[in-house]
Protein backbone atom coordinates (compact mmCIF):
# COMPACT_ATOMS: atom_id res chain seq x y z
CA MET A 1 121.06 75.68 109.61
CA LYS A 2 119.33 77.22 106.29
CA ALA A 3 121.27 78.06 103.16
CA HIS A 4 119.87 79.43 100.38
CA ASP A 5 122.01 80.03 97.35
CA GLY A 6 119.83 82.04 95.49
CA MET A 7 117.75 84.40 94.78
CA TYR A 8 113.72 84.35 93.48
CA ILE A 9 113.72 86.06 90.02
CA ASP A 10 110.82 85.86 87.24
CA GLY A 11 109.73 82.71 88.92
CA ALA A 12 112.45 80.54 89.76
CA TRP A 13 115.70 80.42 92.04
CA ARG A 14 118.44 81.89 90.34
CA PRO A 15 122.24 82.11 91.47
CA ALA A 16 123.30 85.42 92.72
CA ALA A 17 125.68 87.49 90.25
CA GLY A 18 128.14 87.69 93.46
CA PRO A 19 129.56 85.04 95.36
CA ASP A 20 129.36 87.37 98.57
CA THR A 21 126.61 85.89 101.65
CA ILE A 22 125.23 87.40 104.54
CA GLU A 23 125.10 85.21 108.02
CA VAL A 24 121.93 85.05 109.96
CA VAL A 25 122.45 84.69 113.69
CA ASN A 26 119.93 83.89 116.31
CA PRO A 27 119.66 86.86 118.79
CA VAL A 28 119.14 84.53 121.37
CA ASP A 29 122.08 82.52 121.64
CA GLU A 30 124.34 84.32 118.59
CA GLU A 31 124.84 81.00 116.67
CA VAL A 32 124.68 81.37 113.15
CA VAL A 33 121.20 79.46 112.09
CA GLY A 34 120.95 80.55 108.25
CA ARG A 35 123.15 81.77 104.65
CA VAL A 36 121.62 83.93 102.42
CA PRO A 37 123.50 85.86 98.78
CA ALA A 38 124.60 89.36 99.40
CA GLY A 39 122.17 90.86 96.23
CA THR A 40 124.24 93.34 93.97
CA ALA A 41 122.84 95.91 91.44
CA TYR A 42 123.30 93.63 88.97
CA ASP A 43 120.98 91.11 90.58
CA VAL A 44 118.59 93.76 90.94
CA ASP A 45 118.63 94.94 87.64
CA THR A 46 117.56 91.49 86.64
CA ALA A 47 114.50 91.06 89.13
CA VAL A 48 113.29 94.41 88.13
CA ARG A 49 113.47 93.70 84.64
CA ALA A 50 111.67 90.17 85.30
CA ALA A 51 109.58 92.79 86.99
CA ARG A 52 108.45 95.06 83.79
CA THR A 53 108.13 91.91 81.42
CA ALA A 54 105.69 90.44 83.79
CA LEU A 55 103.15 94.48 84.54
CA PRO A 56 101.46 94.45 81.31
CA GLY A 57 100.00 91.14 81.59
CA TRP A 58 99.65 91.25 85.31
CA ALA A 59 97.92 94.35 84.99
CA ALA A 60 95.60 93.35 82.32
CA THR A 61 94.70 90.04 84.95
CA PRO A 62 91.15 90.39 85.82
CA PRO A 63 90.63 91.59 89.54
CA ALA A 64 88.86 88.20 90.43
CA ARG A 65 92.27 86.09 88.98
CA ARG A 66 94.33 88.49 91.64
CA ALA A 67 92.01 87.37 94.21
CA SER A 68 92.04 84.23 93.75
CA LEU A 69 95.87 84.25 93.47
CA LEU A 70 95.45 85.93 96.89
CA GLY A 71 93.61 83.63 98.39
CA ALA A 72 96.10 80.77 97.25
CA LEU A 73 98.54 82.80 98.86
CA ARG A 74 96.95 83.45 102.11
CA ASP A 75 96.09 79.45 102.32
CA VAL A 76 99.68 78.32 101.50
CA LEU A 77 100.60 80.52 104.41
CA VAL A 78 97.95 79.12 106.77
CA SER A 79 99.77 75.67 105.89
CA ARG A 80 102.76 76.45 106.76
CA LYS A 81 102.17 78.35 109.96
CA ASP A 82 104.04 77.08 112.54
CA GLU A 83 107.08 76.65 109.84
CA ILE A 84 106.94 80.78 109.42
CA ALA A 85 106.69 80.85 113.42
CA GLU A 86 109.45 78.73 114.06
CA THR A 87 111.93 80.64 111.12
CA VAL A 88 111.11 83.85 112.87
CA THR A 89 111.97 82.49 116.23
CA ALA A 90 115.41 81.47 114.65
CA GLU A 91 116.35 84.99 113.12
CA LEU A 92 114.80 87.67 115.04
CA GLY A 93 114.48 85.38 119.07
CA ALA A 94 110.88 86.21 119.62
CA PRO A 95 109.17 83.54 121.87
CA LEU A 96 107.68 80.87 119.79
CA ALA A 97 104.27 81.37 121.09
CA PHE A 98 104.34 85.08 120.26
CA SER A 99 105.73 84.30 116.82
CA GLN A 100 102.46 82.02 116.22
CA ALA A 101 99.97 84.29 117.83
CA VAL A 102 101.71 87.54 115.61
CA HIS A 103 104.23 86.85 113.42
CA ALA A 104 102.79 84.23 111.42
CA SER A 105 98.49 84.79 112.29
CA VAL A 106 98.95 88.54 111.46
CA PRO A 107 99.99 88.60 107.97
CA ILE A 108 97.60 85.48 107.34
CA ALA A 109 95.42 88.38 108.33
CA VAL A 110 96.20 90.52 106.13
CA ALA A 111 96.52 88.62 102.68
CA GLY A 112 93.19 87.47 103.44
CA SER A 113 91.79 90.81 103.29
CA TYR A 114 93.63 91.35 100.39
CA ALA A 115 92.10 88.41 98.50
CA GLU A 116 88.62 90.10 99.54
CA LEU A 117 89.36 93.46 98.69
CA ALA A 118 90.95 92.76 95.37
CA ALA A 119 87.51 90.98 94.06
CA THR A 120 85.40 93.79 95.66
CA TYR A 121 87.56 97.51 95.10
CA ALA A 122 86.07 99.64 92.18
CA PHE A 123 88.66 100.46 89.87
CA GLU A 124 86.14 102.45 88.22
CA GLU A 125 83.87 105.17 89.59
CA LYS A 126 81.67 107.75 87.77
CA ALA A 127 82.46 111.94 88.48
CA GLY A 128 79.96 114.08 86.25
CA ASN A 129 80.35 113.49 82.99
CA SER A 130 83.97 111.61 83.82
CA THR A 131 84.95 108.07 84.46
CA VAL A 132 87.47 107.90 87.09
CA HIS A 133 89.80 104.91 86.20
CA LEU A 134 92.22 103.53 88.64
CA GLU A 135 95.44 101.29 87.35
CA PRO A 136 98.20 99.77 88.38
CA ILE A 137 101.36 102.35 89.66
CA GLY A 138 104.00 100.06 88.18
CA VAL A 139 106.61 97.82 89.37
CA VAL A 140 107.09 98.36 93.29
CA GLY A 141 110.33 98.02 95.72
CA ALA A 142 109.33 96.95 99.13
CA ILE A 143 111.83 97.50 101.29
CA THR A 144 111.09 95.71 104.62
CA PRO A 145 112.62 95.94 107.89
CA TRP A 146 113.33 93.31 109.98
CA ASN A 147 111.08 93.56 113.64
CA TYR A 148 107.97 91.99 111.81
CA PRO A 149 109.43 90.04 108.99
CA LEU A 150 106.56 88.45 107.51
CA HIS A 151 103.85 91.25 108.63
CA GLN A 152 105.94 94.02 107.06
CA ILE A 153 106.04 92.10 103.44
CA VAL A 154 102.30 90.90 103.27
CA ALA A 155 101.41 94.63 103.99
CA LYS A 156 103.39 95.87 101.12
CA VAL A 157 103.11 93.40 98.69
CA ALA A 158 99.52 91.90 99.14
CA PRO A 159 98.06 94.93 98.37
CA ALA A 160 100.54 95.61 95.30
CA LEU A 161 99.49 92.13 93.77
CA ALA A 162 95.47 93.58 94.56
CA ALA A 163 95.91 96.43 92.26
CA GLY A 164 97.71 94.68 89.23
CA CYS A 165 101.36 96.20 90.99
CA THR A 166 104.34 93.70 90.30
CA VAL A 167 107.14 93.94 92.95
CA VAL A 168 110.50 93.08 93.93
CA LEU A 169 111.60 92.73 97.40
CA LYS A 170 114.21 93.71 99.19
CA PRO A 171 114.53 92.63 103.19
CA ALA A 172 115.97 93.12 106.22
CA GLU A 173 119.15 91.35 106.17
CA ASP A 174 118.73 90.33 110.12
CA THR A 175 116.05 88.45 108.71
CA PRO A 176 115.86 87.27 104.98
CA LEU A 177 114.95 83.80 106.02
CA THR A 178 111.18 84.54 106.35
CA ALA A 179 111.59 86.39 103.25
CA GLN A 180 112.82 83.35 101.21
CA LEU A 181 110.24 81.44 102.71
CA PHE A 182 107.52 83.79 101.48
CA ALA A 183 108.88 83.50 98.07
CA GLU A 184 108.72 79.98 98.11
CA ALA A 185 104.53 80.30 99.44
CA VAL A 186 104.25 82.55 96.17
CA HIS A 187 105.29 80.26 94.06
CA GLU A 188 103.24 77.12 95.62
CA ALA A 189 100.57 79.32 95.31
CA GLY A 190 101.41 79.90 91.34
CA LEU A 191 101.38 83.54 90.83
CA PRO A 192 102.88 83.98 87.08
CA ALA A 193 106.60 84.69 86.71
CA GLY A 194 107.89 87.74 87.29
CA VAL A 195 105.18 89.45 89.50
CA PHE A 196 107.07 88.65 92.50
CA ASN A 197 110.82 88.60 92.66
CA LEU A 198 113.42 88.63 96.01
CA VAL A 199 116.45 89.74 96.12
CA THR A 200 118.33 89.04 99.48
CA GLY A 201 121.50 92.27 100.49
CA LEU A 202 122.65 94.88 102.23
CA GLY A 203 120.25 98.10 102.83
CA PRO A 204 123.19 100.36 101.42
CA VAL A 205 123.85 97.90 98.12
CA ALA A 206 121.16 96.07 97.18
CA GLY A 207 118.24 98.49 98.97
CA GLN A 208 119.85 101.60 97.19
CA ALA A 209 120.00 99.98 94.17
CA LEU A 210 116.25 99.45 94.21
CA ALA A 211 115.37 102.88 95.26
CA GLU A 212 117.13 104.32 92.70
CA HIS A 213 116.33 102.15 89.46
CA PRO A 214 114.61 104.02 87.28
CA GLY A 215 112.35 100.96 86.16
CA VAL A 216 110.97 101.20 90.08
CA ASP A 217 108.22 103.82 89.74
CA LEU A 218 107.12 103.34 93.74
CA VAL A 219 109.38 102.63 96.12
CA SER A 220 107.56 101.40 100.21
CA PHE A 221 110.20 101.72 102.52
CA THR A 222 109.52 100.73 106.46
CA GLY A 223 112.17 101.51 108.78
CA SER A 224 114.05 104.35 110.29
CA THR A 225 113.30 108.09 109.31
CA ALA A 226 117.07 108.90 108.80
CA VAL A 227 116.49 106.00 105.87
CA GLY A 228 113.36 106.92 104.75
CA ARG A 229 115.04 110.56 104.12
CA GLN A 230 117.17 109.35 101.93
CA ILE A 231 115.06 107.31 100.22
CA GLY A 232 112.60 110.30 99.92
CA ALA A 233 115.43 112.23 98.38
CA ILE A 234 116.46 109.73 96.24
CA ALA A 235 112.99 109.41 94.71
CA GLY A 236 112.30 113.05 94.74
CA ALA A 237 115.13 113.48 92.67
CA ALA A 238 113.32 110.87 89.99
CA ILE A 239 109.70 112.22 90.69
CA LYS A 240 109.09 108.80 92.01
CA LYS A 241 106.15 108.16 94.43
CA VAL A 242 107.25 106.78 97.93
CA ALA A 243 105.16 105.28 100.68
CA LEU A 244 107.65 105.85 103.90
CA GLU A 245 106.35 104.26 107.80
CA LEU A 246 109.28 105.24 109.76
CA GLY A 247 109.61 106.07 113.59
CA GLY A 248 106.90 106.85 116.02
CA LYS A 249 107.15 108.06 119.80
CA SER A 250 103.62 107.45 120.94
CA ALA A 251 101.69 108.30 123.15
CA ASN A 252 99.79 106.53 125.63
CA VAL A 253 97.41 109.22 127.34
CA ILE A 254 95.79 108.14 130.50
CA LEU A 255 93.00 110.72 132.04
CA PRO A 256 91.98 110.48 135.44
CA SER A 257 88.55 109.06 134.70
CA ALA A 258 90.37 106.19 133.17
CA ASP A 259 90.67 102.51 135.08
CA LEU A 260 94.47 102.96 135.83
CA ALA A 261 95.26 99.43 136.65
CA LYS A 262 94.07 98.47 133.27
CA ALA A 263 95.47 101.51 131.48
CA VAL A 264 99.05 101.15 133.23
CA ASN A 265 98.94 96.88 132.59
CA VAL A 266 97.83 97.04 128.89
CA GLY A 267 100.42 100.17 128.04
CA VAL A 268 103.45 98.49 129.84
CA ALA A 269 102.24 94.88 127.81
CA ASN A 270 102.41 96.81 124.76
CA VAL A 271 106.18 98.34 124.95
CA MET A 272 107.59 95.09 125.86
CA SER A 273 105.80 93.45 123.16
CA ASN A 274 108.20 91.91 120.46
CA SER A 275 111.11 93.03 122.98
CA GLY A 276 109.74 96.55 122.56
CA GLN A 277 111.08 96.47 118.54
CA THR A 278 107.46 98.23 117.47
CA CYS A 279 107.24 101.43 115.71
CA SER A 280 104.25 102.05 117.11
CA ALA A 281 104.77 101.04 120.76
CA TRP A 282 103.23 103.15 123.41
CA THR A 283 106.51 104.35 124.89
CA ARG A 284 105.52 107.66 126.46
CA MET A 285 102.64 106.99 129.37
CA LEU A 286 101.38 110.31 130.33
CA VAL A 287 99.58 110.35 133.49
CA HIS A 288 97.56 113.26 135.75
CA ARG A 289 99.90 114.18 138.47
CA ASP A 290 97.29 113.01 140.96
CA GLN A 291 97.75 109.29 139.85
CA TYR A 292 101.06 109.49 138.56
CA GLU A 293 102.91 107.67 142.57
CA GLU A 294 100.67 104.88 141.64
CA ALA A 295 100.80 104.47 138.22
CA VAL A 296 104.84 104.33 137.99
CA GLY A 297 104.55 101.65 141.14
CA LEU A 298 101.92 99.58 139.00
CA ALA A 299 104.42 99.88 135.80
CA ALA A 300 106.98 99.31 137.97
CA ALA A 301 105.64 96.08 139.34
CA ALA A 302 103.84 95.08 135.66
CA ALA A 303 107.52 95.64 133.69
CA ALA A 304 109.05 93.03 136.58
CA LYS A 305 106.94 90.30 135.17
CA TYR A 306 108.65 90.81 132.01
CA GLY A 307 111.66 89.85 132.84
CA GLU A 308 111.79 85.72 131.82
CA ARG A 309 109.30 87.08 129.16
CA ILE A 310 110.49 88.58 126.47
CA GLY A 311 113.13 88.35 123.80
CA PRO A 312 116.28 89.37 122.77
CA VAL A 313 116.55 92.17 120.56
CA VAL A 314 117.48 91.55 117.01
CA ASN A 315 121.78 92.06 117.16
CA ALA A 316 124.56 93.26 119.29
CA LYS A 317 124.46 96.91 117.46
CA GLN A 318 121.12 97.28 118.82
CA GLN A 319 121.28 96.12 121.76
CA ALA A 320 124.19 98.45 122.83
CA ARG A 321 122.13 101.12 121.07
CA VAL A 322 118.88 100.82 123.63
CA ARG A 323 121.24 100.14 126.43
CA SER A 324 122.68 103.65 125.49
CA TYR A 325 119.78 105.11 126.03
CA ILE A 326 119.16 103.39 129.26
CA GLU A 327 122.61 105.15 130.41
CA THR A 328 121.31 108.44 128.71
CA GLY A 329 117.90 108.41 130.40
CA ILE A 330 119.89 108.23 134.15
CA ALA A 331 122.30 110.87 133.22
CA GLU A 332 119.25 113.24 132.28
CA GLY A 333 117.97 112.67 135.67
CA ALA A 334 114.91 110.51 134.97
CA ARG A 335 114.62 107.78 138.03
CA LEU A 336 115.13 104.05 136.87
CA VAL A 337 111.97 102.03 138.51
CA ALA A 338 112.37 99.16 136.63
CA GLY A 339 115.16 97.24 134.64
CA GLY A 340 118.59 99.39 133.66
CA PRO A 341 121.42 99.05 131.36
CA GLU A 342 123.15 95.89 132.54
CA SER A 343 122.09 92.69 130.07
CA PRO A 344 120.12 90.17 131.82
CA ARG A 345 121.53 87.24 130.55
CA GLU A 346 125.11 86.51 129.75
CA GLN A 347 124.68 85.30 126.19
CA GLY A 348 122.21 86.93 123.84
CA TYR A 349 121.04 90.21 122.95
CA PHE A 350 118.84 90.58 125.87
CA VAL A 351 117.88 93.88 127.14
CA SER A 352 116.16 94.69 130.78
CA PRO A 353 112.43 95.63 130.92
CA THR A 354 113.15 99.15 131.66
CA VAL A 355 110.84 101.89 133.23
CA PHE A 356 111.83 105.26 133.61
CA ALA A 357 110.15 107.78 136.24
CA ASP A 358 110.41 111.65 136.15
CA VAL A 359 110.66 111.79 132.74
CA THR A 360 110.45 115.63 131.46
CA PRO A 361 109.21 115.63 127.72
CA ASP A 362 112.56 117.44 126.80
CA MET A 363 114.54 114.29 128.09
CA THR A 364 116.38 112.20 125.25
CA ILE A 365 114.56 109.18 126.30
CA ALA A 366 111.45 111.00 125.24
CA GLN A 367 111.82 112.48 122.28
CA GLU A 368 113.94 109.66 120.32
CA GLU A 369 112.69 106.44 118.99
CA ILE A 370 114.69 103.87 121.48
CA PHE A 371 113.34 100.47 119.85
CA GLY A 372 113.63 98.39 122.42
CA PRO A 373 111.51 97.83 125.61
CA VAL A 374 112.06 101.01 127.49
CA LEU A 375 109.14 102.51 128.95
CA SER A 376 109.38 106.75 129.87
CA VAL A 377 106.78 107.57 132.56
CA LEU A 378 105.89 111.59 132.36
CA ARG A 379 103.27 113.68 134.27
CA TYR A 380 100.98 115.68 133.13
CA GLU A 381 99.26 119.23 134.92
CA ASP A 382 96.01 119.04 132.82
CA GLU A 383 94.17 117.89 129.33
CA GLU A 384 95.94 121.04 127.85
CA ASP A 385 98.90 119.81 129.02
CA ALA A 386 98.74 116.35 128.37
CA LEU A 387 97.92 116.90 124.56
CA ARG A 388 100.70 119.60 124.57
CA ILE A 389 103.11 116.73 125.80
CA ALA A 390 101.28 114.09 123.35
CA ASN A 391 101.81 116.30 120.50
CA GLY A 392 105.51 117.80 121.00
CA THR A 393 107.71 114.71 119.08
CA VAL A 394 108.59 115.23 115.93
CA TYR A 395 106.80 111.62 115.60
CA GLY A 396 102.69 111.35 114.77
CA LEU A 397 102.73 107.42 114.46
CA ALA A 398 100.44 106.07 117.00
CA GLY A 399 98.94 106.25 120.86
CA ALA A 400 96.13 105.33 122.79
CA VAL A 401 93.61 107.40 124.81
CA TRP A 402 91.98 105.76 127.87
CA ALA A 403 89.03 107.28 129.75
CA GLY A 404 85.76 106.28 132.09
CA ASP A 405 83.75 107.85 129.26
CA GLU A 406 84.57 106.50 125.32
CA ALA A 407 83.16 109.54 123.72
CA GLU A 408 85.67 111.39 126.65
CA ALA A 409 88.71 109.39 124.61
CA VAL A 410 88.08 110.02 121.01
CA ALA A 411 87.19 113.84 122.06
CA PHE A 412 90.83 113.70 123.18
CA ALA A 413 92.01 111.69 120.16
CA ARG A 414 90.42 113.79 117.81
CA ARG A 415 93.41 116.17 118.71
CA MET A 416 96.35 114.15 119.04
CA GLU A 417 98.74 114.49 115.50
CA THR A 418 99.20 110.66 114.86
CA GLY A 419 97.92 108.69 112.36
CA GLN A 420 95.95 105.52 114.85
CA VAL A 421 94.53 106.10 118.18
CA ASP A 422 93.76 102.94 120.16
CA ILE A 423 90.45 103.95 122.40
CA ASN A 424 90.15 102.04 125.56
CA GLY A 425 92.86 98.79 124.57
CA GLY A 426 91.05 98.90 120.63
CA ARG A 427 91.47 96.08 119.26
CA PHE A 428 94.05 95.46 116.01
CA ASN A 429 92.07 95.96 112.59
CA PRO A 430 93.72 94.61 109.21
CA LEU A 431 91.62 97.24 107.93
CA ALA A 432 92.13 100.57 109.51
CA PRO A 433 94.63 102.25 107.45
CA PHE A 434 98.69 101.99 109.46
CA GLY A 435 100.43 105.47 108.71
CA GLY A 436 102.09 108.40 110.07
CA TYR A 437 102.01 112.52 110.36
CA LYS A 438 104.95 114.45 110.38
CA GLN A 439 108.61 112.65 110.41
CA SER A 440 106.65 108.86 111.18
CA GLY A 441 106.37 108.90 107.26
CA VAL A 442 103.61 109.33 104.11
CA GLY A 443 101.18 107.56 103.04
CA ARG A 444 99.11 104.74 104.41
CA GLU A 445 99.22 100.88 105.10
CA LEU A 446 96.28 98.30 105.35
CA GLY A 447 93.01 98.11 103.70
CA THR A 448 91.51 100.50 101.38
CA HIS A 449 94.01 103.17 102.07
CA GLY A 450 96.70 100.55 102.02
CA LEU A 451 95.63 99.40 98.31
CA SER A 452 95.47 102.88 97.27
CA GLU A 453 98.70 103.71 97.17
CA TYR A 454 99.88 101.46 94.38
CA LEU A 455 96.90 102.75 92.10
CA GLN A 456 97.30 105.82 89.33
CA THR A 457 94.20 107.61 88.30
CA LYS A 458 92.89 108.56 84.94
CA SER A 459 90.20 110.21 83.95
CA PHE A 460 87.63 109.89 80.94
CA GLN A 461 85.86 112.78 80.00
CA PHE A 462 82.82 111.89 77.85
């Protein structure tokens, strides 16, 4: 068991202001695997003050030097890759192979991309008789979720540091051990004191204190739309910038000309990945009426193969939530073709990989984010009907289109109201902007667009 007594503030591990702690539970066997301090508003204030003190020096640090330190951070993460994977597996329950391939590897790639961008990004540009100067927005309050604990940290911290901002991180209480490991990596990489600070704690206490703090210039939050609304309201009252990456109900549109078997199998894999705990998961599969029953059969068969291959969901509350959605799907008349509400194991927070057919666009399971291994297969009549269904939710985070011809898929994707669309199974790109339309949030992460979120614009007229 890993027990951490302190917060990483101003370049050192410091005891928390209060005695309360948070237990970290392994979702596989429900055993306690760690304990971290439950930070208070006082701890947040101490961290923000450290970040503000460090800001002028870090903002004035040449971009090449910031790039070098980000490269050093990336190298430390590489050297601790196995430890990262093991830590994520212990507190999130993800299978070790998935933790190695995704949870440890993707953040390393993102950190490397920002080390390169920091050295090459144009922080000044000419516009007629003016010089446009881009400078760090200031102190960033980063509030991250549990589903991709290290990736979500790096996707906020790396661009903020590249931009010259200083950071206070409040990670999810379910997965704080990964954040502690990241703080150790920051220290080992040699970043100046106060540039990065870590406060572990509960969302309604430490998270709210960070969002409300007058010394924070930007709040970057990833999580539920409900909490995003609260943070947006807090920031709006203070006229403070926010970047919000929120919920999703992404559509996987399979056009009649597509390779049906490939599209269905990849689509099921996408939903079952990380036990369905992915905001961008393609949880609605849209299939033409003439291919519908074949697709349903393929999806059910594919889902059945994941029974022993996926991990649990993160905690008992999430398990109950997902199972409740499955029961709602049955009650509203959807046809269960794989899985169901019964837990597949006596111990651990497991949910059966589940597929519903005969799902209509107005059903709860077709409208609300479930955040578990649950796929809804919907029937459409023609392309216009498919587009109406695809765009017919309050979300717009991600999606996919499959077609025999790439141009046909792109033409459909252009009309989707969503921030990112995979074409015929396109691969993840750490340089491509990620973020949503509508209630999926505001702002973008990754690449140059992610870096620009942390910059303030100033112009000089000559």
